[in-house]
Amino acid sequence: MDRKLQAHNLTYVQDVWDLSEGELGSILGAGTGTKVFEYCHGKDDRPVKPAERKTIGAECNYGVRFDGLYGVNYMMTGLAMEVEKRMSN
């Protein structure tokens, strides 16, 4: 498909957007042309499938300043509680 589009100087979605469904069908073939035309115009009837979560984590940025060991322990406990909460969801 890339070669066919590039052969007609179609690089961006806007380039394809400017074509009619028939023009796109003559370049890509009727079925693929219709699909790509509809995708470019925001039409997609495929069901959304939620992705399975594979990792869980929590982080803090480096802008945090700790007040001795107590601050580090407090922050680590907070991060652990956040990860635990996310694991239960």
Protein backbone atom coordinates (compact mmCIF):
# COMPACT_ATOMS: atom_id res chain seq x y z
CA MET A 1 0.00 0.00 0.00
CA ASP A 2 2.85 2.40 0.83
CA ARG A 3 4.33 2.04 -2.65
CA LYS A 4 0.99 2.67 -4.31
CA LEU A 5 0.39 5.80 -2.25
CA GLN A 6 3.93 7.11 -2.73
CA ALA A 7 3.70 6.53 -6.49
CA HIS A 8 0.86 9.08 -6.48
CA ASN A 9 2.71 11.49 -4.12
CA LEU A 10 0.31 10.70 -1.28
CA THR A 11 2.30 11.05 1.93
CA TYR A 12 0.02 12.57 4.55
CA VAL A 13 -3.53 11.87 5.67
CA GLN A 14 -4.48 15.28 4.25
CA ASP A 15 -3.30 14.11 0.81
CA VAL A 16 -5.64 11.12 0.99
CA TRP A 17 -8.41 13.21 2.56
CA ASP A 18 -8.47 15.39 -0.55
CA LEU A 19 -9.26 12.39 -2.80
CA SER A 20 -12.71 11.01 -3.52
CA GLU A 21 -13.52 7.46 -2.53
CA GLY A 22 -13.46 6.48 -6.21
CA GLU A 23 -10.02 8.02 -6.80
CA LEU A 24 -8.63 6.23 -3.78
CA GLY A 25 -10.25 2.99 -4.91
CA SER A 26 -8.58 3.25 -8.32
CA ILE A 27 -5.19 3.60 -6.60
CA LEU A 28 -5.53 0.98 -3.84
CA GLY A 29 -8.31 -1.25 -5.12
CA ALA A 30 -12.01 -0.96 -4.32
CA GLY A 31 -12.06 -2.66 -0.90
CA THR A 32 -8.86 -1.16 0.52
CA GLY A 33 -9.66 2.23 -0.98
CA THR A 34 -13.03 2.30 0.77
CA LYS A 35 -11.50 1.28 4.13
CA VAL A 36 -8.73 3.88 3.96
CA PHE A 37 -11.19 6.56 2.81
CA GLU A 38 -13.46 5.83 5.76
CA TYR A 39 -10.57 5.75 8.26
CA CYS A 40 -9.38 9.15 6.99
CA HIS A 41 -12.88 10.52 7.54
CA GLY A 42 -13.18 9.12 11.07
CA LYS A 43 -15.41 6.16 10.23
CA ASP A 44 -14.32 2.92 11.87
CA ASP A 45 -16.88 0.32 12.91
CA ARG A 46 -14.39 -2.10 14.44
CA PRO A 47 -15.11 -2.82 18.12
CA VAL A 48 -12.66 -1.40 20.64
CA LYS A 49 -10.85 -4.16 22.50
CA PRO A 50 -9.33 -3.10 25.83
CA ALA A 51 -5.68 -4.01 26.14
CA GLU A 52 -4.61 -6.26 29.00
CA ARG A 53 -2.45 -4.43 31.54
CA LYS A 54 0.97 -6.09 31.63
CA THR A 55 2.79 -3.87 34.10
CA ILE A 56 1.85 -1.78 37.09
CA GLY A 57 4.05 0.90 38.54
CA ALA A 58 4.27 4.25 40.26
CA GLU A 59 6.92 6.92 40.14
CA CYS A 60 7.88 10.26 41.57
CA ASN A 61 9.89 12.94 39.84
CA TYR A 62 13.39 14.00 40.79
CA GLY A 63 12.15 17.35 42.03
CA VAL A 64 11.25 15.76 45.37
CA ARG A 65 13.57 16.65 48.25
CA PHE A 66 13.72 14.33 51.24
CA ASP A 67 14.22 15.33 54.85
CA GLY A 68 16.57 12.55 55.92
CA LEU A 69 15.78 8.85 56.04
CA TYR A 70 12.24 9.46 57.30
CA GLY A 71 11.33 11.25 54.06
CA VAL A 72 12.65 8.40 51.90
CA ASN A 73 10.73 5.80 53.92
CA TYR A 74 7.56 7.92 53.74
CA MET A 75 7.87 8.30 49.96
CA MET A 76 8.59 4.59 49.39
CA THR A 77 5.61 3.62 51.54
CA GLY A 78 3.41 5.97 49.54
CA LEU A 79 4.63 4.53 46.24
CA ALA A 80 4.08 0.97 47.47
CA MET A 81 0.53 1.83 48.57
CA GLU A 82 -0.16 3.36 45.15
CA VAL A 83 1.05 0.23 43.35
CA GLU A 84 -1.05 -1.93 45.67
CA LYS A 85 -4.12 0.18 44.91
CA ARG A 86 -3.52 -0.11 41.15
CA MET A 87 -3.09 -3.88 41.42
CA SER A 88 -6.51 -4.24 43.05
CA ASN A 89 -8.22 -2.34 40.19
